[in-house]
C-alpha atoms as a PDB file:
ATOM      1  CA  MET A   1      36.031 -35.156   9.948  1.00  0.00           C
ATOM      2  CA  LEU A   2      37.266 -32.242   8.568  1.00  0.00           C
ATOM      3  CA  HIS A   3      39.818 -30.162  10.556  1.00  0.00           C
ATOM      4  CA  HIS A   4      39.001 -26.269  10.669  1.00  0.00           C
ATOM      5  CA  THR A   5      41.760 -24.791  11.808  1.00  0.00           C
ATOM      6  CA  VAL A   6      40.380 -21.576  12.429  1.00  0.00           C
ATOM      7  CA  LEU A   7      37.271 -22.481  13.678  1.00  0.00           C
ATOM      8  CA  ARG A   8      38.820 -24.626  16.258  1.00  0.00           C
ATOM      9  CA  VAL A   9      41.369 -21.901  17.305  1.00  0.00           C
ATOM     10  CA  VAL A  10      38.501 -19.411  17.740  1.00  0.00           C
ATOM     11  CA  SER A  11      36.390 -21.954  19.524  1.00  0.00           C
ATOM     12  CA  LYS A  12      39.082 -22.624  21.962  1.00  0.00           C
ATOM     13  CA  LEU A  13      39.024 -19.036  22.945  1.00  0.00           C
ATOM     14  CA  LEU A  14      35.290 -18.459  22.629  1.00  0.00           C
ATOM     15  CA  ILE A  15      33.884 -21.378  24.788  1.00  0.00           C
ATOM     16  CA  PRO A  16      35.183 -20.508  28.208  1.00  0.00           C
ATOM     17  CA  VAL A  17      33.994 -16.805  27.488  1.00  0.00           C
ATOM     18  CA  ILE A  18      30.499 -18.524  26.698  1.00  0.00           C
ATOM     19  CA  MET A  19      30.362 -20.481  30.007  1.00  0.00           C
ATOM     20  CA  LEU A  20      31.758 -17.315  31.983  1.00  0.00           C
ATOM     21  CA  PHE A  21      28.868 -15.726  30.360  1.00  0.00           C
ATOM     22  CA  ALA A  22      26.689 -18.660  31.370  1.00  0.00           C
ATOM     23  CA  LEU A  23      27.668 -18.619  34.804  1.00  0.00           C
ATOM     24  CA  TYR A  24      27.069 -14.415  34.513  1.00  0.00           C
ATOM     25  CA  VAL A  25      23.291 -14.862  33.330  1.00  0.00           C
ATOM     26  CA  GLN A  26      22.870 -17.836  35.901  1.00  0.00           C
ATOM     27  CA  PHE A  27      24.156 -15.998  39.365  1.00  0.00           C
ATOM     28  CA  HIS A  28      22.601 -12.691  37.999  1.00  0.00           C
ATOM     29  CA  GLY A  29      19.277 -13.916  37.073  1.00  0.00           C
ATOM     30  CA  ASP A  30      17.551 -13.027  40.399  1.00  0.00           C
ATOM     31  CA  TYR A  31      18.413  -9.301  40.071  1.00  0.00           C
ATOM     32  CA  SER A  32      17.186  -8.785  35.983  1.00  0.00           C
ATOM     33  CA  PRO A  33      16.287 -10.862  33.249  1.00  0.00           C
ATOM     34  CA  GLY A  34      18.006 -14.725  33.027  1.00  0.00           C
ATOM     35  CA  GLY A  35      18.193 -17.687  35.253  1.00  0.00           C
ATOM     36  CA  GLY A  36      18.502 -20.994  35.130  1.00  0.00           C
ATOM     37  CA  PHE A  37      16.863 -21.920  32.021  1.00  0.00           C
ATOM     38  CA  GLN A  38      18.957 -19.054  30.060  1.00  0.00           C
ATOM     39  CA  ALA A  39      22.094 -20.192  31.643  1.00  0.00           C
ATOM     40  CA  GLY A  40      21.339 -23.721  31.198  1.00  0.00           C
ATOM     41  CA  VAL A  41      20.677 -23.461  27.432  1.00  0.00           C
ATOM     42  CA  ILE A  42      23.693 -21.119  26.880  1.00  0.00           C
ATOM     43  CA  PHE A  43      26.384 -23.673  28.672  1.00  0.00           C
ATOM     44  CA  ALA A  44      24.716 -26.578  26.857  1.00  0.00           C
ATOM     45  CA  ALA A  45      25.332 -24.417  23.527  1.00  0.00           C
ATOM     46  CA  ALA A  46      29.257 -24.025  24.265  1.00  0.00           C
ATOM     47  CA  ILE A  47      29.479 -27.960  24.814  1.00  0.00           C
ATOM     48  CA  ILE A  48      27.550 -28.551  21.417  1.00  0.00           C
ATOM     49  CA  LEU A  49      29.938 -26.048  20.126  1.00  0.00           C
ATOM     50  CA  TYR A  50      32.759 -28.104  21.518  1.00  0.00           C
ATOM     51  CA  ALA A  51      31.163 -31.064  19.770  1.00  0.00           C
ATOM     52  CA  LEU A  52      30.554 -29.813  16.798  1.00  0.00           C
ATOM     53  CA  LEU A  53      33.962 -29.268  16.029  1.00  0.00           C
ATOM     54  CA  PHE A  54      35.809 -31.420  17.540  1.00  0.00           C
ATOM     55  CA  GLY A  55      33.615 -34.546  17.399  1.00  0.00           C
ATOM     56  CA  LEU A  56      31.279 -36.277  19.273  1.00  0.00           C
ATOM     57  CA  ASP A  57      33.717 -39.072  20.595  1.00  0.00           C
ATOM     58  CA  ASN A  58      35.549 -36.428  22.096  1.00  0.00           C
ATOM     59  CA  THR A  59      32.889 -34.813  23.727  1.00  0.00           C
ATOM     60  CA  LEU A  60      31.608 -38.270  25.687  1.00  0.00           C
ATOM     61  CA  ASP A  61      35.202 -38.821  26.699  1.00  0.00           C
ATOM     62  CA  VAL A  62      35.036 -35.439  28.403  1.00  0.00           C
ATOM     63  CA  LEU A  63      31.484 -35.799  29.456  1.00  0.00           C
ATOM     64  CA  PRO A  64      29.645 -39.003  29.445  1.00  0.00           C
ATOM     65  CA  SER A  65      26.107 -39.091  28.769  1.00  0.00           C
ATOM     66  CA  GLY A  66      25.621 -41.037  32.594  1.00  0.00           C
ATOM     67  CA  VAL A  67      26.988 -37.895  34.171  1.00  0.00           C
ATOM     68  CA  LEU A  68      24.779 -35.799  32.778  1.00  0.00           C
ATOM     69  CA  GLN A  69      21.562 -38.398  33.735  1.00  0.00           C
ATOM     70  CA  GLY A  70      22.948 -37.868  36.964  1.00  0.00           C
ATOM     71  CA  THR A  71      23.173 -33.987  37.069  1.00  0.00           C
ATOM     72  CA  ALA A  72      19.699 -33.669  35.643  1.00  0.00           C
ATOM     73  CA  ALA A  73      18.518 -35.942  37.987  1.00  0.00           C
ATOM     74  CA  LEU A  74      20.487 -33.753  40.974  1.00  0.00           C
ATOM     75  CA  GLY A  75      18.971 -30.431  39.501  1.00  0.00           C
ATOM     76  CA  VAL A  76      15.210 -31.822  39.636  1.00  0.00           C
ATOM     77  CA  LEU A  77      16.137 -32.873  43.104  1.00  0.00           C
ATOM     78  CA  LEU A  78      17.537 -29.620  44.194  1.00  0.00           C
ATOM     79  CA  TYR A  79      14.273 -27.807  43.094  1.00  0.00           C
ATOM     80  CA  ALA A  80      11.773 -29.995  44.962  1.00  0.00           C
ATOM     81  CA  GLY A  81      14.206 -30.159  47.859  1.00  0.00           C
ATOM     82  CA  VAL A  82      13.823 -26.466  48.512  1.00  0.00           C
ATOM     83  CA  GLY A  83      10.163 -27.044  47.984  1.00  0.00           C
ATOM     84  CA  ILE A  84      10.176 -29.783  50.359  1.00  0.00           C
ATOM     85  CA  THR A  85      12.044 -28.266  52.847  1.00  0.00           C
ATOM     86  CA  THR A  86       9.754 -25.334  52.923  1.00  0.00           C
ATOM     87  CA  VAL A  87       6.660 -27.962  53.905  1.00  0.00           C
ATOM     88  CA  LEU A  88       8.521 -29.379  56.227  1.00  0.00           C
ATOM     89  CA  MET A  89       9.329 -25.679  58.166  1.00  0.00           C
ATOM     90  CA  GLY A  90       5.391 -25.377  58.133  1.00  0.00           C
ATOM     91  CA  GLY A  91       5.219 -23.200  55.103  1.00  0.00           C
ATOM     92  CA  ASN A  92       3.622 -23.783  51.573  1.00  0.00           C
ATOM     93  CA  PHE A  93       5.730 -25.499  48.773  1.00  0.00           C
ATOM     94  CA  LEU A  94       8.420 -23.115  47.539  1.00  0.00           C
ATOM     95  CA  ASP A  95       7.487 -20.603  49.996  1.00  0.00           C
ATOM     96  CA  TYR A  96      11.112 -19.167  50.408  1.00  0.00           C
ATOM     97  CA  ASN A  97      10.331 -16.775  53.551  1.00  0.00           C
ATOM     98  CA  ARG A  98      10.918 -19.984  55.489  1.00  0.00           C
ATOM     99  CA  LEU A  99      14.278 -20.948  54.696  1.00  0.00           C
ATOM    100  CA  ALA A 100      15.638 -17.964  56.589  1.00  0.00           C
ATOM    101  CA  ALA A 101      14.779 -15.683  59.848  1.00  0.00           C
ATOM    102  CA  ASP A 102      14.156 -12.590  57.684  1.00  0.00           C
ATOM    103  CA  GLY A 103      12.229 -12.636  54.307  1.00  0.00           C
ATOM    104  CA  PRO A 104      14.526 -11.074  51.890  1.00  0.00           C
ATOM    105  CA  THR A 105      17.276 -13.101  52.575  1.00  0.00           C
ATOM    106  CA  GLY A 106      15.202 -16.281  52.534  1.00  0.00           C
ATOM    107  CA  GLN A 107      13.717 -15.268  49.071  1.00  0.00           C
ATOM    108  CA  HIS A 108      17.238 -14.718  47.713  1.00  0.00           C
ATOM    109  CA  LEU A 109      18.333 -18.104  48.957  1.00  0.00           C
ATOM    110  CA  GLY A 110      15.357 -20.019  47.882  1.00  0.00           C
ATOM    111  CA  ILE A 111      15.471 -18.121  44.381  1.00  0.00           C
ATOM    112  CA  PHE A 112      19.082 -18.810  43.749  1.00  0.00           C
ATOM    113  CA  LEU A 113      18.754 -22.594  44.803  1.00  0.00           C
ATOM    114  CA  VAL A 114      15.630 -23.043  42.531  1.00  0.00           C
ATOM    115  CA  GLU A 115      17.495 -21.332  39.564  1.00  0.00           C
ATOM    116  CA  LEU A 116      20.677 -23.334  40.066  1.00  0.00           C
ATOM    117  CA  GLY A 117      18.457 -26.593  39.868  1.00  0.00           C
ATOM    118  CA  VAL A 118      16.906 -25.589  36.620  1.00  0.00           C
ATOM    119  CA  GLY A 119      19.835 -24.828  35.236  1.00  0.00           C
ATOM    120  CA  ILE A 120      21.406 -28.005  35.704  1.00  0.00           C
ATOM    121  CA  THR A 121      18.791 -29.647  34.673  1.00  0.00           C
ATOM    122  CA  VAL A 122      18.083 -27.843  31.466  1.00  0.00           C
ATOM    123  CA  SER A 123      22.057 -27.931  30.877  1.00  0.00           C
ATOM    124  CA  SER A 124      22.117 -31.789  31.411  1.00  0.00           C
ATOM    125  CA  VAL A 125      18.743 -32.421  29.431  1.00  0.00           C
ATOM    126  CA  MET A 126      19.562 -30.375  26.227  1.00  0.00           C
ATOM    127  CA  LEU A 127      23.434 -32.098  26.165  1.00  0.00           C
ATOM    128  CA  LEU A 128      21.622 -35.378  26.344  1.00  0.00           C
ATOM    129  CA  LEU A 129      18.934 -34.583  23.439  1.00  0.00           C
ATOM    130  CA  TYR A 130      21.736 -33.464  21.474  1.00  0.00           C
ATOM    131  CA  TYR A 131      23.919 -36.875  22.283  1.00  0.00           C
ATOM    132  CA  ALA A 132      20.479 -38.733  21.244  1.00  0.00           C
ATOM    133  CA  PHE A 133      20.125 -37.078  17.935  1.00  0.00           C
ATOM    134  CA  ALA A 134      24.247 -36.669  16.995  1.00  0.00           C
ATOM    135  CA  GLY A 135      24.878 -40.087  18.424  1.00  0.00           C
ATOM    136  CA  ARG A 136      22.402 -42.181  15.983  1.00  0.00           C
ATOM    137  CA  GLY A 137      25.338 -45.047  14.511  1.00  0.00           C
ATOM    138  CA  SER A 138      27.816 -44.190  17.104  1.00  0.00           C
ATOM    139  CA  ARG A 139      28.750 -45.381  20.432  1.00  0.00           C
ATOM    140  CA  PRO A 140      25.771 -45.148  22.884  1.00  0.00           C
END
């Protein structure tokens, strides 16, 4: 692999900023455009940038595919768990008003948890897809 010193140094500065922006999009998504899907893609793009510059093997050492499979399932379970919780509390599936005593608090909590589940799942699946395409011929 070619060693691009300038790209590596700049990426070491940019990757944390990209991840911080992903967190901003994630947590600000219920008040403005953005949310789980966008944050998941931005976070995965930071990891993919790391993989492009430092190699897939180094990335797999830091973030193995088994962990990503687990986090993808965890995100789906979080999304579905919020919906099932609202049903068990006597409401409809994803009826956020049931999650708290007053409606706005329940809406905020429900949207936050669902968007968090979406963000975790999207990020994990994007990285698993990248691993599948970039890892042809390398270790599983």
